[in-house]
N, C-alpha and C. Protein backbone atom coordinates (compact mmCIF):
# COMPACT_ATOMS: atom_id res chain seq x y z
N UNK A 1 -124.92 70.36 -138.97
CA UNK A 1 -124.62 71.55 -140.18
C UNK A 1 -124.70 72.00 -138.84
N UNK A 2 -123.66 73.36 -139.90
CA UNK A 2 -123.87 74.83 -138.75
C UNK A 2 -123.99 75.51 -138.74
N UNK A 3 -124.35 76.74 -137.42
CA UNK A 3 -125.03 77.46 -137.68
C UNK A 3 -124.27 78.57 -136.97
N UNK A 4 -124.49 80.01 -137.66
CA UNK A 4 -123.90 80.97 -136.81
C UNK A 4 -124.69 82.72 -137.13
N UNK A 5 -123.92 83.69 -135.86
CA UNK A 5 -124.50 84.59 -136.68
C UNK A 5 -124.39 85.16 -138.06
N UNK A 6 -125.36 85.59 -138.78
CA UNK A 6 -125.23 85.60 -140.73
C UNK A 6 -125.71 87.99 -140.18
N UNK A 7 -123.97 88.48 -139.83
CA UNK A 7 -124.07 89.84 -139.94
C UNK A 7 -123.92 90.15 -138.07
N UNK A 8 -125.19 91.29 -138.30
CA UNK A 8 -125.03 91.79 -137.16
C UNK A 8 -126.05 91.54 -135.96
N UNK A 9 -127.26 90.80 -135.62
CA UNK A 9 -128.07 90.70 -135.02
C UNK A 9 -128.05 91.46 -134.05
N UNK A 10 -129.39 91.88 -133.16
CA UNK A 10 -129.39 92.88 -132.01
C UNK A 10 -129.10 92.38 -131.05
N UNK A 11 -129.20 90.53 -130.50
CA UNK A 11 -129.10 89.76 -129.44
C UNK A 11 -127.32 90.31 -130.09
N UNK A 12 -126.41 90.03 -130.94
CA UNK A 12 -124.98 89.71 -131.58
C UNK A 12 -124.75 91.37 -130.41
N UNK A 13 -125.53 92.00 -131.10
CA UNK A 13 -124.81 93.31 -130.79
C UNK A 13 -124.73 93.42 -129.30
N UNK A 14 -126.17 93.07 -129.18
CA UNK A 14 -126.21 93.25 -127.20
C UNK A 14 -124.90 92.42 -126.90
N UNK A 15 -124.50 91.23 -127.46
CA UNK A 15 -123.73 90.58 -126.54
C UNK A 15 -122.42 91.05 -127.06
N UNK A 16 -122.11 91.37 -127.78
CA UNK A 16 -120.69 92.60 -128.00
C UNK A 16 -120.51 93.48 -127.09
N UNK A 17 -121.50 94.39 -127.01
CA UNK A 17 -121.58 94.99 -126.05
C UNK A 17 -121.44 94.59 -124.61
N UNK A 18 -121.61 93.99 -123.95
CA UNK A 18 -121.65 93.86 -122.77
C UNK A 18 -120.13 92.40 -122.52
N UNK A 19 -119.54 92.27 -123.45
CA UNK A 19 -118.11 91.34 -123.39
C UNK A 19 -117.12 92.12 -122.75
N UNK A 20 -116.14 91.56 -121.56
CA UNK A 20 -115.24 93.19 -121.42
C UNK A 20 -114.10 91.79 -121.66
N UNK A 21 -113.18 92.02 -122.78
CA UNK A 21 -111.46 91.36 -122.56
C UNK A 21 -110.65 91.54 -121.63
N UNK A 22 -110.51 90.28 -120.96
CA UNK A 22 -109.23 90.60 -119.25
C UNK A 22 -108.71 89.62 -119.76
N UNK A 23 -107.11 90.43 -120.50
CA UNK A 23 -105.65 90.01 -120.30
C UNK A 23 -104.73 89.14 -119.50
N UNK A 24 -104.04 87.91 -119.91
CA UNK A 24 -103.62 87.26 -119.55
C UNK A 24 -104.39 86.37 -118.54
N UNK A 25 -105.39 85.91 -118.79
CA UNK A 25 -105.97 85.17 -117.56
C UNK A 25 -106.40 83.74 -118.56
N UNK A 26 -106.25 82.62 -118.11
CA UNK A 26 -105.92 82.25 -116.80
C UNK A 26 -104.65 82.15 -117.12
N UNK A 27 -103.72 82.15 -117.81
CA UNK A 27 -102.42 82.53 -118.30
C UNK A 27 -101.83 83.92 -119.09
N UNK A 28 -100.75 83.80 -118.92
CA UNK A 28 -100.11 84.76 -119.48
C UNK A 28 -100.46 84.73 -120.97
N UNK A 29 -100.65 85.58 -122.28
CA UNK A 29 -101.23 85.62 -123.45
C UNK A 29 -102.02 84.93 -124.17
N UNK A 30 -102.93 84.71 -123.03
CA UNK A 30 -104.53 84.32 -123.27
C UNK A 30 -105.48 85.97 -123.38
N UNK A 31 -106.36 85.86 -123.92
CA UNK A 31 -107.51 86.89 -123.61
C UNK A 31 -108.27 86.93 -123.92
N UNK A 32 -109.27 86.53 -122.10
CA UNK A 32 -110.12 85.96 -121.86
C UNK A 32 -110.87 86.63 -122.08
N UNK A 33 -112.77 86.50 -122.73
CA UNK A 33 -113.28 87.25 -123.16
C UNK A 33 -114.57 86.96 -122.00
N UNK A 34 -115.09 87.52 -120.98
CA UNK A 34 -116.12 87.69 -119.58
C UNK A 34 -116.55 88.08 -120.00
N UNK A 35 -117.66 87.37 -119.86
CA UNK A 35 -119.41 87.62 -120.33
C UNK A 35 -120.10 87.61 -118.82
N UNK A 36 -119.73 87.88 -118.01
CA UNK A 36 -120.38 88.81 -116.31
C UNK A 36 -120.55 89.89 -116.22
N UNK A 37 -120.45 90.78 -117.43
CA UNK A 37 -121.18 91.90 -117.25
C UNK A 37 -122.66 91.51 -117.87
N UNK A 38 -122.48 90.85 -119.46
CA UNK A 38 -124.17 90.81 -119.54
C UNK A 38 -124.57 89.39 -118.39
N UNK A 39 -124.09 88.55 -117.60
CA UNK A 39 -124.90 88.71 -116.67
C UNK A 39 -125.60 89.19 -115.60
N UNK A 40 -125.20 89.87 -115.63
CA UNK A 40 -124.80 91.57 -114.42
C UNK A 40 -126.19 92.64 -115.23
N UNK A 41 -126.55 91.64 -116.38
CA UNK A 41 -127.42 93.18 -116.96
C UNK A 41 -128.66 92.40 -116.92
N UNK A 42 -129.82 91.99 -116.31
CA UNK A 42 -131.03 91.58 -116.26
C UNK A 42 -131.39 91.10 -117.85
N UNK A 43 -131.64 92.81 -118.44
CA UNK A 43 -132.53 92.69 -120.06
C UNK A 43 -131.26 91.59 -120.48
N UNK A 44 -130.89 92.14 -120.60
CA UNK A 44 -129.18 90.77 -121.51
C UNK A 44 -128.84 89.54 -121.51
N UNK A 45 -129.26 89.23 -120.02
CA UNK A 45 -129.56 87.51 -120.21
C UNK A 45 -130.91 87.34 -120.54
N UNK A 46 -131.98 87.94 -120.12
CA UNK A 46 -132.79 87.34 -120.63
C UNK A 46 -133.06 87.62 -122.00
N UNK A 47 -132.56 88.80 -122.75
CA UNK A 47 -132.28 88.43 -124.25
C UNK A 47 -131.60 86.52 -124.24
N UNK A 48 -130.74 86.80 -123.73
CA UNK A 48 -130.25 84.92 -124.11
C UNK A 48 -130.62 84.27 -124.15
N UNK A 49 -131.59 83.99 -122.88
CA UNK A 49 -132.23 82.79 -122.81
C UNK A 49 -133.27 83.31 -123.63
N UNK A 50 -133.74 84.01 -124.07
CA UNK A 50 -135.09 84.02 -124.63
C UNK A 50 -134.32 83.61 -126.39
N UNK A 51 -133.97 84.22 -127.10
CA UNK A 51 -133.13 83.19 -128.54
C UNK A 51 -132.50 81.89 -128.30
N UNK A 52 -132.65 81.53 -127.37
CA UNK A 52 -131.85 80.04 -126.64
C UNK A 52 -133.04 79.47 -126.69
N UNK A 53 -133.76 79.89 -126.34
CA UNK A 53 -136.09 79.50 -126.18
C UNK A 53 -135.99 79.52 -127.18
N UNK A 54 -136.09 80.53 -128.66
CA UNK A 54 -136.82 80.35 -129.04
C UNK A 54 -136.10 79.26 -130.26
N UNK A 55 -135.65 78.86 -129.94
CA UNK A 55 -134.66 77.52 -131.11
C UNK A 55 -134.68 76.51 -130.75
N UNK A 56 -134.90 76.01 -129.33
CA UNK A 56 -134.82 75.10 -128.84
C UNK A 56 -136.02 74.24 -128.34
N UNK A 57 -137.20 75.59 -128.31
CA UNK A 57 -138.44 75.00 -127.82
C UNK A 57 -139.53 73.81 -128.67
N UNK A 58 -139.24 72.77 -127.86
CA UNK A 58 -140.03 71.43 -128.50
C UNK A 58 -138.73 70.57 -128.93
N UNK A 59 -137.85 70.85 -128.98
CA UNK A 59 -136.97 70.07 -129.83
C UNK A 59 -136.08 69.77 -128.83
N UNK A 60 -136.17 69.40 -127.99
CA UNK A 60 -135.01 69.02 -126.26
C UNK A 60 -135.93 68.51 -125.35
N UNK A 61 -135.47 67.52 -124.57
CA UNK A 61 -135.34 67.30 -123.16
C UNK A 61 -135.32 67.69 -122.14
N UNK A 62 -133.23 67.39 -122.61
CA UNK A 62 -132.90 67.86 -121.67
C UNK A 62 -131.61 68.87 -121.83
N UNK A 63 -131.23 70.33 -120.83
CA UNK A 63 -130.00 71.14 -121.32
C UNK A 63 -129.07 70.63 -120.37
N UNK A 64 -127.58 70.38 -121.10
CA UNK A 64 -126.68 70.14 -120.56
C UNK A 64 -125.89 71.66 -120.33
N UNK A 65 -125.03 72.21 -118.92
CA UNK A 65 -124.43 72.91 -119.43
C UNK A 65 -123.11 72.86 -118.53
N UNK A 66 -122.19 72.92 -119.12
CA UNK A 66 -120.59 72.48 -119.39
C UNK A 66 -119.77 73.53 -118.32
N UNK A 67 -119.49 72.91 -116.57
CA UNK A 67 -118.63 73.86 -116.29
C UNK A 67 -118.00 75.15 -116.65
N UNK A 68 -117.84 76.01 -116.51
CA UNK A 68 -119.43 76.65 -114.76
C UNK A 68 -119.73 77.97 -115.70
N UNK A 69 -119.11 77.92 -116.07
CA UNK A 69 -120.23 78.63 -117.01
C UNK A 69 -121.14 79.05 -117.28
N UNK A 70 -121.92 77.80 -118.52
CA UNK A 70 -122.29 76.86 -118.96
C UNK A 70 -123.37 76.74 -117.86
N UNK A 71 -123.10 75.91 -116.89
CA UNK A 71 -124.00 76.64 -115.45
C UNK A 71 -125.05 77.44 -115.65
N UNK A 72 -124.65 78.09 -115.60
CA UNK A 72 -125.66 79.75 -115.42
C UNK A 72 -126.78 80.02 -117.34
N UNK A 73 -126.11 79.56 -117.93
CA UNK A 73 -126.74 79.54 -119.48
C UNK A 73 -127.59 78.65 -118.85
N UNK A 74 -127.16 77.56 -118.62
CA UNK A 74 -128.04 76.57 -119.14
C UNK A 74 -128.96 76.09 -117.58
N UNK A 75 -128.46 76.20 -116.66
CA UNK A 75 -130.12 76.15 -116.16
C UNK A 75 -130.73 77.49 -116.20
N UNK A 76 -130.92 79.18 -116.67
CA UNK A 76 -132.10 79.32 -117.31
C UNK A 76 -132.21 79.22 -118.69
N UNK A 77 -131.76 78.47 -119.50
CA UNK A 77 -132.91 78.22 -120.59
C UNK A 77 -133.71 76.88 -120.41
N UNK A 78 -132.97 76.06 -119.86
CA UNK A 78 -134.02 74.44 -118.88
C UNK A 78 -134.84 75.30 -118.41
N UNK A 79 -135.05 76.41 -117.92
CA UNK A 79 -136.32 76.54 -117.08
C UNK A 79 -137.05 77.51 -117.94
N UNK A 80 -136.65 78.56 -118.69
CA UNK A 80 -137.02 78.66 -119.64
C UNK A 80 -137.52 78.08 -120.78
N UNK A 81 -137.23 76.69 -121.32
CA UNK A 81 -137.93 75.38 -121.67
C UNK A 81 -138.81 74.63 -121.45
N UNK A 82 -138.71 74.43 -120.00
CA UNK A 82 -139.62 74.00 -118.77
C UNK A 82 -138.81 72.43 -119.13
N UNK A 83 -137.56 72.37 -119.78
CA UNK A 83 -136.60 71.26 -119.15
C UNK A 83 -135.66 70.55 -117.54
N UNK A 84 -135.45 69.81 -117.39
CA UNK A 84 -134.23 69.22 -116.77
C UNK A 84 -133.05 70.03 -117.28
N UNK A 85 -132.01 69.99 -115.74
CA UNK A 85 -130.88 70.21 -116.52
C UNK A 85 -129.86 69.34 -116.52
N UNK A 86 -128.93 69.24 -116.72
CA UNK A 86 -127.53 68.14 -116.11
C UNK A 86 -126.64 69.22 -116.19
N UNK A 87 -125.23 69.20 -114.97
CA UNK A 87 -124.59 69.35 -115.21
C UNK A 87 -123.05 68.55 -116.22
N UNK A 88 -122.27 68.90 -116.15
CA UNK A 88 -121.01 68.09 -116.92
C UNK A 88 -119.80 69.04 -116.01
N UNK A 89 -119.01 68.62 -115.21
CA UNK A 89 -118.19 68.97 -114.25
C UNK A 89 -116.74 68.42 -114.44
N UNK A 90 -115.80 69.03 -114.19
CA UNK A 90 -115.03 68.92 -114.11
C UNK A 90 -114.60 67.54 -113.16
N UNK A 91 -113.08 66.92 -113.31
CA UNK A 91 -112.94 65.78 -112.76
C UNK A 91 -113.19 66.04 -110.83
N UNK A 92 -114.26 64.52 -110.63
CA UNK A 92 -113.44 64.52 -109.03
C UNK A 92 -114.63 65.97 -108.44
N UNK A 93 -115.92 66.09 -108.98
CA UNK A 93 -116.61 67.36 -108.43
C UNK A 93 -118.09 66.41 -108.72
N UNK A 94 -118.86 65.32 -108.99
CA UNK A 94 -119.34 64.46 -109.11
C UNK A 94 -119.53 63.46 -108.01
N UNK A 95 -120.75 63.32 -107.66
CA UNK A 95 -121.25 61.80 -106.91
C UNK A 95 -121.22 61.08 -107.68
N UNK A 96 -120.85 59.78 -107.18
CA UNK A 96 -121.60 58.60 -107.85
C UNK A 96 -121.01 57.79 -108.88
N UNK A 97 -121.59 57.07 -109.82
CA UNK A 97 -120.18 56.50 -111.19
C UNK A 97 -120.35 57.41 -112.09
N UNK A 98 -119.46 57.94 -112.92
CA UNK A 98 -119.86 58.69 -114.21
C UNK A 98 -118.71 58.28 -115.75
N UNK A 99 -118.82 58.94 -116.37
CA UNK A 99 -118.24 58.98 -117.33
C UNK A 99 -117.19 59.84 -117.22
N UNK A 100 -115.88 59.64 -117.86
CA UNK A 100 -114.64 60.78 -118.06
C UNK A 100 -114.35 61.17 -119.66
N UNK A 101 -114.38 61.71 -119.45
CA UNK A 101 -113.58 62.14 -120.73
C UNK A 101 -112.38 63.01 -121.15
N UNK A 102 -111.87 62.98 -121.49
CA UNK A 102 -109.73 63.55 -120.92
C UNK A 102 -109.49 64.61 -122.69
N UNK A 103 -109.22 65.78 -122.40
CA UNK A 103 -109.36 66.86 -124.22
C UNK A 103 -108.43 67.27 -123.94
N UNK A 104 -107.95 68.49 -124.73
CA UNK A 104 -107.63 68.87 -124.75
C UNK A 104 -107.94 70.91 -125.00
N UNK A 105 -107.77 71.48 -124.74
CA UNK A 105 -108.33 73.22 -124.33
C UNK A 105 -107.12 74.53 -125.68
N UNK A 106 -107.35 75.36 -125.06
CA UNK A 106 -106.56 76.16 -126.36
C UNK A 106 -105.21 76.45 -124.97
N UNK A 107 -105.06 76.01 -123.74
CA UNK A 107 -104.55 76.42 -122.60
C UNK A 107 -104.05 75.39 -122.22
N UNK A 108 -103.70 73.80 -122.22
CA UNK A 108 -103.80 73.21 -120.95
C UNK A 108 -104.54 71.27 -121.50
N UNK A 109 -105.01 70.64 -121.21
CA UNK A 109 -105.42 69.68 -121.14
C UNK A 109 -106.36 69.72 -120.04
N UNK A 110 -107.61 68.59 -119.73
CA UNK A 110 -108.27 68.83 -118.90
C UNK A 110 -109.31 67.44 -118.72
N UNK A 111 -110.03 67.19 -117.62
CA UNK A 111 -110.75 66.09 -117.35
C UNK A 111 -112.61 66.06 -117.07
N UNK A 112 -113.25 66.18 -118.03
CA UNK A 112 -114.76 66.49 -117.69
C UNK A 112 -115.49 64.64 -116.76
N UNK A 113 -117.37 64.70 -116.73
CA UNK A 113 -117.20 64.02 -116.06
C UNK A 113 -118.57 64.04 -115.78
N UNK A 114 -119.45 62.96 -116.36
CA UNK A 114 -121.04 63.24 -116.68
C UNK A 114 -121.15 61.86 -115.68
N UNK A 115 -122.92 61.83 -115.08
CA UNK A 115 -123.07 60.61 -115.03
C UNK A 115 -123.29 59.84 -115.69
N UNK A 116 -123.38 58.12 -115.40
CA UNK A 116 -123.78 57.95 -115.88
C UNK A 116 -124.50 57.70 -116.35
N UNK A 117 -126.12 57.55 -115.03
CA UNK A 117 -127.82 57.57 -115.06
C UNK A 117 -128.25 59.01 -115.50
N UNK A 118 -127.00 60.22 -115.77
CA UNK A 118 -127.96 60.84 -116.26
C UNK A 118 -129.21 62.08 -117.49
N UNK A 119 -129.62 60.91 -118.19
CA UNK A 119 -130.54 60.16 -119.49
C UNK A 119 -131.26 58.82 -119.06
N UNK A 120 -132.25 59.07 -119.60
CA UNK A 120 -132.76 58.09 -120.31
C UNK A 120 -132.63 58.43 -121.54
N UNK A 121 -132.25 56.91 -121.50
CA UNK A 121 -132.22 56.88 -123.30
C UNK A 121 -132.58 57.62 -124.30
N UNK A 122 -131.79 57.92 -125.13
CA UNK A 122 -132.57 58.82 -126.52
C UNK A 122 -133.09 60.31 -125.78
N UNK A 123 -133.18 60.92 -124.46
CA UNK A 123 -133.20 62.45 -124.34
C UNK A 123 -132.67 62.53 -125.18
N UNK A 124 -133.46 63.91 -125.99
CA UNK A 124 -132.70 64.75 -126.72
C UNK A 124 -131.86 66.48 -126.19
N UNK A 125 -131.08 66.20 -126.14
CA UNK A 125 -129.48 67.56 -125.82
C UNK A 125 -129.04 68.45 -126.08
N UNK A 126 -129.39 69.22 -125.65
CA UNK A 126 -128.68 70.67 -125.87
C UNK A 126 -127.81 70.96 -124.71
N UNK A 127 -126.56 71.21 -125.95
CA UNK A 127 -125.36 71.24 -124.65
C UNK A 127 -124.74 73.03 -124.87
N UNK A 128 -124.34 73.27 -123.78
CA UNK A 128 -124.35 74.85 -123.31
C UNK A 128 -123.36 75.06 -122.41
N UNK A 129 -122.85 76.49 -123.20
CA UNK A 129 -121.46 76.58 -122.17
C UNK A 129 -121.48 78.59 -123.26
N UNK A 130 -120.34 78.82 -122.39
CA UNK A 130 -120.16 80.64 -123.21
C UNK A 130 -119.48 81.23 -124.04
N UNK A 131 -118.18 80.20 -123.81
CA UNK A 131 -117.28 80.33 -125.33
C UNK A 131 -116.89 78.94 -126.19
N UNK A 132 -116.98 78.36 -127.14
CA UNK A 132 -116.62 77.97 -129.04
C UNK A 132 -115.43 78.57 -128.99
N UNK A 133 -114.07 77.58 -128.23
CA UNK A 133 -113.03 77.79 -129.01
C UNK A 133 -112.17 76.89 -129.38
N UNK A 134 -111.48 75.74 -129.16
CA UNK A 134 -110.84 75.29 -129.85
C UNK A 134 -111.59 74.33 -131.21
N UNK A 135 -112.92 73.79 -129.54
CA UNK A 135 -113.78 72.73 -129.38
C UNK A 135 -113.79 71.16 -128.85
N UNK A 136 -112.85 71.05 -127.84
CA UNK A 136 -112.25 69.90 -127.71
C UNK A 136 -113.30 70.36 -126.25
N UNK A 137 -113.59 70.95 -125.23
CA UNK A 137 -114.63 70.83 -123.76
C UNK A 137 -115.59 70.58 -125.07
N UNK A 138 -116.01 70.91 -126.08
CA UNK A 138 -117.83 70.59 -126.19
C UNK A 138 -117.87 69.28 -126.88
N UNK A 139 -116.38 68.40 -127.36
CA UNK A 139 -116.54 67.55 -128.31
C UNK A 139 -116.56 66.45 -126.90
N UNK A 140 -115.34 66.58 -126.02
CA UNK A 140 -115.37 66.02 -124.66
C UNK A 140 -117.35 66.12 -124.26
N UNK A 141 -117.33 66.72 -124.18
CA UNK A 141 -119.16 66.67 -123.35
C UNK A 141 -120.17 66.18 -124.80
N UNK A 142 -119.93 66.09 -125.90
CA UNK A 142 -120.92 65.48 -126.71
C UNK A 142 -120.80 63.19 -127.02
N UNK A 143 -119.48 63.40 -126.24
CA UNK A 143 -118.90 62.03 -126.21
C UNK A 143 -119.45 61.65 -125.19
N UNK A 144 -119.59 62.46 -123.53
CA UNK A 144 -120.07 61.99 -122.80
C UNK A 144 -121.57 61.87 -123.02
N UNK A 145 -122.19 62.74 -123.65
CA UNK A 145 -124.22 62.76 -123.80
C UNK A 145 -123.85 61.17 -123.97
N UNK A 146 -123.59 61.00 -125.45
CA UNK A 146 -123.43 59.84 -126.16
C UNK A 146 -123.10 58.51 -125.45
N UNK A 147 -122.42 58.74 -124.71
CA UNK A 147 -121.90 57.67 -123.78
C UNK A 147 -123.24 57.39 -122.81
N UNK A 148 -123.23 58.68 -121.95
CA UNK A 148 -124.71 58.52 -121.19
C UNK A 148 -126.19 57.78 -122.04
N UNK A 149 -126.40 58.03 -122.94
CA UNK A 149 -127.69 57.57 -123.76
C UNK A 149 -128.36 58.96 -124.00
N UNK A 150 -127.26 59.49 -124.25
CA UNK A 150 -128.52 61.19 -124.84
C UNK A 150 -127.98 61.31 -126.54
N UNK A 151 -129.23 61.92 -127.01
CA UNK A 151 -128.99 62.61 -128.48
C UNK A 151 -128.58 63.62 -128.48
N UNK A 152 -127.42 63.99 -129.05
CA UNK A 152 -126.92 65.83 -128.83
C UNK A 152 -127.93 66.58 -130.04
N UNK A 153 -128.54 67.14 -129.81
CA UNK A 153 -129.33 67.67 -130.36
C UNK A 153 -128.72 69.05 -131.77
N UNK A 154 -128.34 69.31 -130.64
CA UNK A 154 -127.51 70.85 -130.56
C UNK A 154 -126.56 71.24 -129.45
N UNK A 155 -125.39 72.64 -130.37
CA UNK A 155 -124.61 72.97 -129.09
C UNK A 155 -124.93 74.98 -129.44
N UNK A 156 -125.27 75.36 -128.43
CA UNK A 156 -125.11 76.62 -128.13
C UNK A 156 -123.92 77.04 -127.86
N UNK A 157 -123.78 78.72 -127.63
CA UNK A 157 -122.87 78.96 -127.50
C UNK A 157 -122.98 80.58 -127.82
N UNK A 158 -122.48 81.78 -126.11
CA UNK A 158 -122.60 83.07 -126.50
C UNK A 158 -122.01 83.35 -127.39
N UNK A 159 -120.68 83.50 -127.19
CA UNK A 159 -119.30 83.58 -128.55
C UNK A 159 -118.86 82.64 -128.67
N UNK A 160 -118.43 82.36 -130.29
CA UNK A 160 -117.80 81.85 -130.63
C UNK A 160 -116.29 82.02 -131.19
N UNK A 161 -115.38 82.55 -130.38
CA UNK A 161 -113.74 82.03 -131.26
C UNK A 161 -113.30 82.21 -132.84
N UNK A 162 -114.07 82.41 -133.65
CA UNK A 162 -113.91 81.76 -134.92
C UNK A 162 -112.05 81.63 -135.31
N UNK A 163 -111.26 82.54 -135.19
CA UNK A 163 -109.97 82.55 -135.28
C UNK A 163 -109.32 80.66 -134.63
N UNK A 164 -110.08 80.65 -133.91
CA UNK A 164 -109.93 79.69 -134.05
C UNK A 164 -110.12 77.82 -134.09
N UNK A 165 -111.30 77.62 -134.57
CA UNK A 165 -111.85 76.91 -135.73
C UNK A 165 -112.54 75.51 -134.90
N UNK A 166 -112.87 75.90 -133.68
CA UNK A 166 -113.71 75.14 -133.04
C UNK A 166 -115.02 74.96 -133.19
N UNK A 167 -115.43 74.30 -134.51
CA UNK A 167 -116.45 74.03 -135.42
C UNK A 167 -115.67 72.33 -135.93
N UNK A 168 -114.41 72.96 -136.61
CA UNK A 168 -113.66 71.37 -136.97
C UNK A 168 -113.68 70.63 -135.86
N UNK A 169 -113.72 70.67 -134.57
CA UNK A 169 -114.09 69.47 -133.77
C UNK A 169 -115.31 68.80 -133.60
N UNK A 170 -116.38 69.60 -134.17
CA UNK A 170 -117.53 69.22 -133.90
C UNK A 170 -118.01 68.72 -135.57
N UNK A 171 -117.84 67.96 -136.31
CA UNK A 171 -118.64 67.73 -137.40
C UNK A 171 -119.16 67.31 -137.53
N UNK A 172 -120.57 67.71 -138.41
CA UNK A 172 -122.10 66.89 -138.18
C UNK A 172 -123.47 67.73 -137.70
N UNK A 173 -122.74 68.38 -136.32
CA UNK A 173 -123.07 68.29 -135.04
C UNK A 173 -123.39 70.56 -135.77
N UNK A 174 -125.41 70.20 -135.53
CA UNK A 174 -125.84 71.61 -135.18
C UNK A 174 -124.72 72.43 -134.32
N UNK A 175 -124.06 73.14 -134.77
CA UNK A 175 -123.68 74.96 -134.21
C UNK A 175 -124.07 76.37 -134.43
N UNK A 176 -124.14 76.59 -133.06
CA UNK A 176 -125.18 78.13 -132.88
C UNK A 176 -124.62 78.91 -132.06
N UNK A 177 -123.21 79.77 -132.59
CA UNK A 177 -122.91 81.06 -131.50
C UNK A 177 -124.09 82.34 -132.06
N UNK A 178 -124.68 83.36 -130.45
CA UNK A 178 -124.78 84.48 -131.08
C UNK A 178 -123.65 85.09 -131.60
N UNK A 179 -122.69 85.72 -130.85
CA UNK A 179 -121.49 85.70 -131.43
C UNK A 179 -120.52 85.02 -132.08
N UNK A 180 -120.05 85.52 -133.42
CA UNK A 180 -118.17 85.16 -133.81
C UNK A 180 -117.68 86.37 -133.99
N UNK A 181 -116.59 86.10 -133.30
CA UNK A 181 -115.35 86.92 -132.83
C UNK A 181 -113.88 86.37 -133.85
C-alpha cells in the first residue's frame, strides 16, 4: 500500500518552502534537495515530527533512521512517539556484529549495516529518511530490518523524487511522503 501527499496540504507547502536546491552535489549532474533549512526552523521541524507522530502513534515499537539525515528525523519522531530509535549506518560505523546490505542509489552503490540484535523479534518498525529517490536505500533497509527480526510497518519520507520511481522498489509496502516532487 502506498500513500503520499494528495494535493498540497499545509505540511507539504511548508516543506516545499523550506527545501533548498544544491546543484552538482554530491557529484556533477545531481540536484541535491537540502532540507537543513527545515531543520533550522523550530516550527517547521515540529510540524514534520507532529505529522509523523499523528500517523504512527500506537502502530510502531521502534523507529529506524537511515544515515545520516534519517537520524535527525527518526530520533525526533521516536521521541514524540515514545518509542526507541535504531540507526542504520554506512559500512564499518557500527561496533559489534551486523547484517550488511549492498544497494544501488541514483549516483553509485553503497553498503548499509544494522546490528544483528537491534530488535526484539516482531518489533513493529517505522523506517525514516529525508528523501525517497530510487528506493535502493529504503529497500536495503527493509531487508536489514527483517533479517534482524523486525516487522516493517511503514516507510516515511519528507520528500519523494517521484520521477525516479522509488516506490517501485518497495512493492506492497506502506510508503508516505510529505511532499512528492
